[in-house]
Amino acid sequence: MTDIEINDADLPEPSLKNIIDQHSLQWVFVGGKGGVGKTTTSCCLGVQLALTRKKVLIVSTDPAHNLSDAFCQKIGREPTPIEGFDNLCAMEIDANNDMEEMQRNMAEQGTDEDQDGGLSAMMSELTNSIPGIDEAMSFSELMKQVQNLDFDVVVFDTAPTGHTLRLLSFPTILEKALGKVMELKDRFGGLIGQATAMMGGGQNPGAAQDAILGRLEETRAVINKVNDAFQDPSVTTFVCVCIPEFLSIYETERLVQELSKFGIDTHNIVVNQVLFPEKDAEELAEWYSGNKDSLPAEAQEICSKMLARKRMQDKYIGQCFDLYGEDFHVTLMPLLDFEVRGSEKLKEFSEFLTNPVDLDE
């Protein structure tokens, strides 16, 4: 691809084989701008991992679930075996329902205002007033559930970038917020208990709030463990997905910078929907110039638009290699003339993740 001026001999291998070969990985996040093929990439990566791992799980954290559509089968909130595999499962998490269920469970742990003078209600209000606490605690429940499942590696098909960055910030949000709540308990717990007793609390006025705080402490322990795993490149990595257009490349740069701030490893970028990745625009333009007069007017218009699109893609692919080529594995995935849906098509397309396009062809 001379137009892009890529000397692939000096660059990291343009494939995801590095992830497949790193058997210590337990969590692989796949994310990027909306509409760039994150779900297809997640499914294909899961398919390839299933070739070398005993048990693989793909989890959708995107409210607009697409795993069922990608595999052409119904996938629910529990790990669902994927047809055509004996070691690959998928599940779609409904964060809103999980949060409502968690809040009901906390309410059942004792919120009788007659027993504690309304203190448990106050503690619940205090907890829920922390910005982002609802989503963060839902996330902690998800991670707790995933940790309890018996899988060698979990691939997370995440929501578009903004939502994903919030998700990845939850460990930090929860750690800080729960630390403040526990600090208030340590500093004023005795005083609050005495006040509660004076207001006519029951025999054990602190039982309800202790139940709530116990749940928060349990959540903090989970989050501490998750945070440590997030920042361990031998356990967690993030695959950025984009298409060769300005807004998508811009969003990818934003995502890479934010991941760096969170201390999360990322060294793979997948570029989807690439027109003829083994050729550059000038090669195609040369062919078109030599055959243009023999083509009908409609075909000429189609070829002209295709060439314009190819030139634009080459420009942004070149920028992508300029930005990330020296440090990242940049994998180019071709635009196909059919939809990639169902296990067989995903198996076929997943081969492109591990068999890089020959850029010198």
Protein backbone atom coordinates (compact mmCIF):
# COMPACT_ATOMS: atom_id res chain seq x y z
CA MET A 1 0.00 0.00 0.00
CA THR A 2 2.48 2.55 -1.22
CA ASP A 3 0.00 5.41 -0.95
CA ILE A 4 -0.12 4.92 2.82
CA GLU A 5 3.66 4.41 3.07
CA ILE A 6 3.53 1.53 5.54
CA ASN A 7 6.65 -0.54 6.05
CA ASP A 8 5.02 -3.39 7.90
CA ALA A 9 8.36 -5.13 8.54
CA ASP A 10 9.10 -2.49 11.18
CA LEU A 11 5.67 -2.58 12.84
CA PRO A 12 3.99 -4.89 15.35
CA GLU A 13 2.17 -7.73 13.61
CA PRO A 14 -1.15 -6.37 12.25
CA SER A 15 -3.34 -9.01 13.90
CA LEU A 16 -4.84 -10.04 17.26
CA LYS A 17 -2.62 -13.13 17.56
CA ASN A 18 -0.88 -11.42 20.47
CA ILE A 19 -4.15 -11.64 22.45
CA ILE A 20 -4.85 -15.22 21.40
CA ASP A 21 -1.34 -16.26 22.45
CA GLN A 22 -1.43 -14.48 25.83
CA HIS A 23 -3.06 -17.20 27.93
CA SER A 24 -2.82 -15.18 31.15
CA LEU A 25 -5.54 -12.79 29.92
CA GLN A 26 -8.85 -13.14 31.75
CA TRP A 27 -10.74 -10.01 30.65
CA VAL A 28 -10.70 -8.51 27.15
CA PHE A 29 -12.74 -5.35 26.58
CA VAL A 30 -13.76 -4.36 23.06
CA GLY A 31 -14.94 -0.79 22.52
CA GLY A 32 -15.13 2.22 20.25
CA LYS A 33 -17.53 4.65 18.61
CA GLY A 34 -21.07 3.48 17.85
CA GLY A 35 -21.57 1.65 14.56
CA VAL A 36 -17.96 0.61 13.92
CA GLY A 37 -18.42 -3.15 14.36
CA LYS A 38 -17.64 -3.70 18.05
CA THR A 39 -20.06 -6.61 18.41
CA THR A 40 -18.78 -8.38 15.30
CA THR A 41 -15.20 -7.91 16.51
CA SER A 42 -16.12 -9.19 19.99
CA CYS A 43 -17.82 -12.27 18.55
CA CYS A 44 -14.95 -13.00 16.18
CA LEU A 45 -12.41 -12.59 18.97
CA GLY A 46 -14.46 -14.94 21.14
CA VAL A 47 -14.51 -17.48 18.30
CA GLN A 48 -10.73 -17.34 17.94
CA LEU A 49 -10.15 -17.55 21.70
CA ALA A 50 -12.40 -20.63 21.81
CA LEU A 51 -9.84 -22.41 19.62
CA THR A 52 -7.19 -22.16 22.32
CA ARG A 53 -9.13 -21.90 25.61
CA LYS A 54 -11.27 -24.43 27.46
CA LYS A 55 -14.18 -22.07 28.21
CA VAL A 56 -14.85 -18.61 26.74
CA LEU A 57 -17.63 -16.15 27.58
CA ILE A 58 -18.76 -13.09 25.60
CA VAL A 59 -20.66 -10.53 27.70
CA SER A 60 -22.61 -7.60 26.24
CA THR A 61 -22.71 -4.53 28.50
CA ASP A 62 -24.30 -2.41 25.75
CA PRO A 63 -27.96 -1.56 26.54
CA ALA A 64 -28.66 -2.06 22.82
CA HIS A 65 -27.75 -5.75 22.84
CA ASN A 66 -26.61 -7.22 19.52
CA LEU A 67 -25.11 -10.60 20.45
CA SER A 68 -28.39 -12.39 19.75
CA ASP A 69 -28.51 -10.81 16.29
CA ALA A 70 -24.85 -11.57 15.59
CA PHE A 71 -25.12 -15.27 16.47
CA CYS A 72 -28.70 -15.60 15.14
CA GLN A 73 -29.92 -17.19 18.37
CA LYS A 74 -31.58 -16.09 21.59
CA ILE A 75 -29.10 -15.03 24.27
CA GLY A 76 -30.25 -14.16 27.77
CA ARG A 77 -28.95 -12.93 31.12
CA GLU A 78 -27.32 -16.27 31.91
CA PRO A 79 -24.42 -17.81 29.95
CA THR A 80 -25.96 -19.29 26.80
CA PRO A 81 -24.07 -21.96 24.80
CA ILE A 82 -23.36 -20.81 21.26
CA GLU A 83 -24.53 -23.17 18.53
CA GLY A 84 -21.64 -24.87 16.77
CA PHE A 85 -19.32 -24.62 19.79
CA ASP A 86 -18.89 -26.71 22.92
CA ASN A 87 -16.77 -24.15 24.81
CA LEU A 88 -18.19 -20.74 23.85
CA CYS A 89 -21.05 -19.00 25.68
CA ALA A 90 -22.57 -15.51 25.58
CA MET A 91 -24.80 -13.43 27.85
CA GLU A 92 -26.47 -10.02 27.65
CA ILE A 93 -26.52 -7.97 30.86
CA ASP A 94 -29.44 -5.65 31.58
CA ALA A 95 -27.82 -3.11 33.91
CA ASN A 96 -31.09 -1.29 34.67
CA ASN A 97 -32.88 -4.43 35.82
CA ASP A 98 -29.83 -5.53 37.79
CA MET A 99 -29.72 -2.18 39.59
CA GLU A 100 -33.42 -2.28 40.47
CA GLU A 101 -33.03 -5.82 41.83
CA MET A 102 -30.00 -4.81 43.89
CA GLN A 103 -31.88 -1.85 45.38
CA ARG A 104 -34.77 -4.15 46.33
CA ASN A 105 -32.34 -6.53 48.02
CA MET A 106 -30.79 -3.69 50.00
CA ALA A 107 -34.23 -2.49 51.04
CA GLU A 108 -35.03 -5.97 52.35
CA GLN A 109 -31.97 -5.90 54.60
CA GLY A 110 -33.82 -3.76 57.10
CA THR A 111 -35.28 -0.34 56.55
CA ASP A 112 -38.02 -0.23 59.18
CA GLU A 113 -38.01 3.36 60.35
CA ASP A 114 -39.75 2.34 63.57
CA GLN A 115 -36.72 0.24 64.49
CA ASP A 116 -33.94 2.69 63.79
CA GLY A 117 -35.53 6.12 63.90
CA GLY A 118 -35.23 6.51 60.13
CA LEU A 119 -31.45 6.21 60.14
CA SER A 120 -31.31 3.38 57.62
CA ALA A 121 -33.37 5.49 55.22
CA MET A 122 -30.91 8.34 55.75
CA MET A 123 -27.95 6.03 55.03
CA SER A 124 -29.66 4.77 51.89
CA GLU A 125 -30.29 8.34 50.74
CA LEU A 126 -26.65 9.24 51.46
CA THR A 127 -25.39 6.29 49.45
CA ASN A 128 -27.69 6.91 46.51
CA SER A 129 -26.73 10.61 46.40
CA ILE A 130 -23.17 9.76 45.31
CA PRO A 131 -22.83 10.71 41.60
CA GLY A 132 -22.81 7.63 39.41
CA ILE A 133 -23.30 5.26 42.36
CA ASP A 134 -26.27 3.46 40.78
CA GLU A 135 -24.39 2.51 37.59
CA ALA A 136 -21.21 1.82 39.53
CA MET A 137 -22.85 -0.58 41.96
CA SER A 138 -24.64 -2.29 39.09
CA PHE A 139 -21.22 -2.70 37.48
CA SER A 140 -19.82 -4.18 40.70
CA GLU A 141 -22.64 -6.71 40.72
CA LEU A 142 -21.83 -7.60 37.12
CA MET A 143 -18.15 -8.10 37.89
CA LYS A 144 -18.99 -10.16 40.98
CA GLN A 145 -21.23 -12.36 38.85
CA VAL A 146 -18.59 -12.73 36.14
CA GLN A 147 -15.89 -13.58 38.67
CA ASN A 148 -18.04 -16.39 40.05
CA LEU A 149 -18.46 -17.96 36.61
CA ASP A 150 -16.08 -20.70 35.52
CA PHE A 151 -14.54 -19.29 32.34
CA ASP A 152 -10.91 -18.99 31.26
CA VAL A 153 -11.41 -15.64 29.53
CA VAL A 154 -14.28 -13.15 29.23
CA VAL A 155 -14.74 -10.83 26.23
CA PHE A 156 -16.76 -7.70 27.03
CA ASP A 157 -18.72 -6.23 24.12
CA THR A 158 -19.07 -2.69 25.46
CA ALA A 159 -21.34 0.25 24.70
CA PRO A 160 -20.16 3.27 22.64
CA THR A 161 -17.13 5.16 23.95
CA GLY A 162 -18.76 7.59 26.41
CA HIS A 163 -20.66 4.85 28.23
CA THR A 164 -17.60 2.60 28.22
CA LEU A 165 -15.39 5.27 29.76
CA ARG A 166 -17.94 5.71 32.55
CA LEU A 167 -17.95 1.97 33.07
CA LEU A 168 -14.17 1.85 33.33
CA SER A 169 -14.18 4.76 35.79
CA PHE A 170 -16.59 3.00 38.16
CA PRO A 171 -13.90 1.26 40.23
CA THR A 172 -12.34 4.64 41.02
CA ILE A 173 -15.74 6.27 41.67
CA LEU A 174 -16.82 3.50 44.01
CA GLU A 175 -13.53 3.31 45.88
CA LYS A 176 -13.56 7.04 46.63
CA ALA A 177 -17.27 7.20 47.43
CA LEU A 178 -17.39 4.14 49.64
CA GLY A 179 -14.24 5.27 51.39
CA LYS A 180 -15.99 8.52 52.35
CA VAL A 181 -19.10 6.70 53.57
CA MET A 182 -17.04 4.30 55.69
CA GLU A 183 -15.05 7.24 57.06
CA LEU A 184 -18.29 8.93 58.17
CA LYS A 185 -19.35 5.70 59.86
CA ASP A 186 -16.04 5.42 61.73
CA ARG A 187 -16.09 9.07 62.81
CA PHE A 188 -19.74 9.48 63.75
CA GLY A 189 -21.09 5.95 64.10
CA GLY A 190 -21.16 6.03 67.92
CA LEU A 191 -22.75 9.46 68.06
CA ILE A 192 -25.39 8.46 65.50
CA GLY A 193 -26.15 5.29 67.44
CA GLN A 194 -26.72 7.26 70.64
CA ALA A 195 -28.98 9.73 68.82
CA THR A 196 -30.95 6.89 67.30
CA ALA A 197 -31.48 5.28 70.72
CA MET A 198 -32.68 8.62 72.13
CA MET A 199 -35.20 8.89 69.28
CA GLY A 200 -36.75 5.61 70.29
CA GLY A 201 -34.82 3.09 68.19
CA GLY A 202 -35.27 -0.60 68.91
CA GLN A 203 -33.06 -3.00 70.84
CA ASN A 204 -30.48 -2.95 68.04
CA PRO A 205 -30.81 0.49 66.44
CA GLY A 206 -27.72 0.10 64.26
CA ALA A 207 -28.65 -3.23 62.66
CA ALA A 208 -30.22 -1.79 59.52
CA GLN A 209 -27.50 0.70 58.75
CA ASP A 210 -24.86 -1.92 59.52
CA ALA A 211 -26.49 -4.17 56.94
CA ILE A 212 -26.32 -1.40 54.34
CA LEU A 213 -22.74 -0.50 55.24
CA GLY A 214 -21.82 -4.17 55.19
CA ARG A 215 -23.12 -4.39 51.65
CA LEU A 216 -21.09 -1.32 50.68
CA GLU A 217 -17.95 -2.78 52.28
CA GLU A 218 -18.49 -6.02 50.37
CA THR A 219 -18.89 -3.99 47.18
CA ARG A 220 -15.69 -2.08 47.90
CA ALA A 221 -13.78 -5.34 48.33
CA VAL A 222 -15.01 -6.52 44.93
CA ILE A 223 -14.14 -3.20 43.33
CA ASN A 224 -10.62 -3.19 44.83
CA LYS A 225 -10.04 -6.59 43.31
CA VAL A 226 -11.48 -5.48 39.97
CA ASN A 227 -9.40 -2.30 39.97
CA ASP A 228 -6.21 -4.27 40.56
CA ALA A 229 -7.11 -6.63 37.71
CA PHE A 230 -7.98 -3.73 35.39
CA GLN A 231 -4.51 -2.28 35.82
CA ASP A 232 -2.69 -5.59 35.36
CA PRO A 233 -1.76 -5.99 31.66
CA SER A 234 -1.27 -9.72 32.15
CA VAL A 235 -4.95 -10.04 33.11
CA THR A 236 -6.82 -7.25 31.28
CA THR A 237 -6.49 -5.56 27.90
CA PHE A 238 -8.67 -3.32 25.75
CA VAL A 239 -9.17 -3.63 21.99
CA CYS A 240 -10.12 -0.35 20.28
CA VAL A 241 -12.35 -0.67 17.22
CA CYS A 242 -12.82 1.99 14.54
CA ILE A 243 -13.49 2.56 10.85
CA PRO A 244 -11.28 4.65 8.53
CA GLU A 245 -13.14 7.94 8.94
CA PHE A 246 -12.25 11.15 10.76
CA LEU A 247 -14.77 10.99 13.61
CA SER A 248 -14.00 7.37 14.36
CA ILE A 249 -10.21 7.90 14.40
CA TYR A 250 -10.71 10.97 16.60
CA GLU A 251 -12.85 8.96 19.02
CA THR A 252 -10.23 6.21 19.08
CA GLU A 253 -7.53 8.70 20.08
CA ARG A 254 -9.79 9.96 22.88
CA LEU A 255 -10.36 6.38 24.03
CA VAL A 256 -6.65 5.52 23.98
CA GLN A 257 -5.82 8.62 26.04
CA GLU A 258 -8.52 7.88 28.62
CA LEU A 259 -7.48 4.24 28.92
CA SER A 260 -3.95 5.45 29.63
CA LYS A 261 -5.27 7.66 32.43
CA PHE A 262 -7.07 4.68 33.98
CA GLY A 263 -3.93 2.58 33.72
CA ILE A 264 -5.63 0.03 31.44
CA ASP A 265 -3.51 -1.78 28.88
CA THR A 266 -4.35 -1.26 25.23
CA HIS A 267 -2.12 -2.17 22.32
CA ASN A 268 -4.57 -3.37 19.66
CA ILE A 269 -6.66 -1.41 17.19
CA VAL A 270 -9.05 -3.05 14.75
CA VAL A 271 -10.01 -1.01 11.67
CA ASN A 272 -13.23 -2.37 10.16
CA GLN A 273 -14.96 -1.89 6.79
CA VAL A 274 -11.74 -1.39 4.82
CA LEU A 275 -12.17 -1.39 1.03
CA PHE A 276 -9.62 -3.72 -0.61
CA PRO A 277 -7.09 -3.52 2.27
CA GLU A 278 -4.41 -5.31 0.21
CA LYS A 279 -4.43 -2.54 -2.43
CA ASP A 280 -4.07 1.23 -2.37
CA ALA A 281 -6.22 3.78 -4.16
CA GLU A 282 -3.66 4.52 -6.86
CA GLU A 283 -3.49 0.89 -7.95
CA LEU A 284 -7.27 0.88 -8.34
CA ALA A 285 -7.19 4.27 -10.06
CA GLU A 286 -4.69 2.92 -12.60
CA TRP A 287 -6.98 -0.02 -13.37
CA TYR A 288 -9.98 2.28 -13.65
CA SER A 289 -8.17 4.65 -15.99
CA GLY A 290 -7.35 1.79 -18.34
CA ASN A 291 -10.86 0.36 -18.35
CA LYS A 292 -13.09 3.40 -17.88
CA ASP A 293 -14.08 3.81 -21.55
CA SER A 294 -15.32 0.22 -21.75
CA LEU A 295 -17.65 0.64 -18.77
CA PRO A 296 -21.26 1.86 -18.97
CA ALA A 297 -22.05 5.23 -17.41
CA GLU A 298 -23.58 3.70 -14.28
CA ALA A 299 -20.51 1.56 -13.67
CA GLN A 300 -18.26 4.58 -14.16
CA GLU A 301 -20.20 6.50 -11.51
CA ILE A 302 -19.98 3.56 -9.09
CA CYS A 303 -16.23 3.16 -9.66
CA SER A 304 -15.65 6.90 -9.31
CA LYS A 305 -17.43 7.01 -5.94
CA MET A 306 -15.66 3.86 -4.79
CA LEU A 307 -12.28 5.40 -5.64
CA ALA A 308 -13.15 8.59 -3.73
CA ARG A 309 -14.09 6.50 -0.70
CA LYS A 310 -10.93 4.39 -1.05
CA ARG A 311 -8.72 7.50 -1.18
CA MET A 312 -10.42 8.85 1.96
CA GLN A 313 -9.95 5.51 3.74
CA ASP A 314 -6.27 5.31 2.76
CA LYS A 315 -5.76 8.80 4.19
CA TYR A 316 -7.18 7.87 7.60
CA ILE A 317 -5.57 4.42 7.66
CA GLY A 318 -2.27 6.21 7.08
CA GLN A 319 -3.02 8.55 9.98
CA CYS A 320 -3.90 5.56 12.14
CA PHE A 321 -0.52 3.95 11.43
CA ASP A 322 1.22 7.28 12.01
CA LEU A 323 -0.43 7.59 15.42
CA TYR A 324 -0.26 4.00 16.62
CA GLY A 325 1.77 1.88 14.20
CA GLU A 326 4.97 1.78 16.23
CA ASP A 327 3.32 0.67 19.48
CA PHE A 328 0.00 -0.93 18.50
CA HIS A 329 -1.07 -3.97 16.54
CA VAL A 330 -3.27 -2.34 13.87
CA THR A 331 -5.50 -4.95 12.20
CA LEU A 332 -7.30 -4.11 8.96
CA MET A 333 -10.60 -5.95 8.46
CA PRO A 334 -12.07 -5.98 4.91
CA LEU A 335 -15.50 -4.75 3.92
CA LEU A 336 -17.37 -7.81 2.63
CA ASP A 337 -20.25 -8.17 0.21
CA PHE A 338 -22.38 -10.04 2.77
CA GLU A 339 -23.50 -9.64 6.38
CA VAL A 340 -21.39 -11.35 9.02
CA ARG A 341 -24.13 -13.11 11.01
CA GLY A 342 -24.36 -16.62 12.41
CA SER A 343 -21.66 -18.91 13.76
CA GLU A 344 -20.33 -20.05 10.38
CA LYS A 345 -19.95 -16.54 8.94
CA LEU A 346 -18.34 -15.35 12.19
CA LYS A 347 -15.89 -18.26 12.09
CA GLU A 348 -14.98 -17.34 8.52
CA PHE A 349 -14.60 -13.63 9.21
CA SER A 350 -12.67 -14.22 12.45
CA GLU A 351 -9.79 -15.65 10.42
CA PHE A 352 -8.93 -12.10 9.34
CA LEU A 353 -8.16 -11.23 13.00
CA THR A 354 -5.30 -13.72 13.12
CA ASN A 355 -4.21 -13.85 9.47
CA PRO A 356 -3.09 -10.29 8.69
CA VAL A 357 -3.64 -8.71 5.31
CA ASP A 358 -0.46 -8.64 3.21
CA LEU A 359 0.11 -4.90 2.80
CA ASP A 360 2.90 -5.48 0.28
CA GLU A 361 0.78 -7.67 -1.98
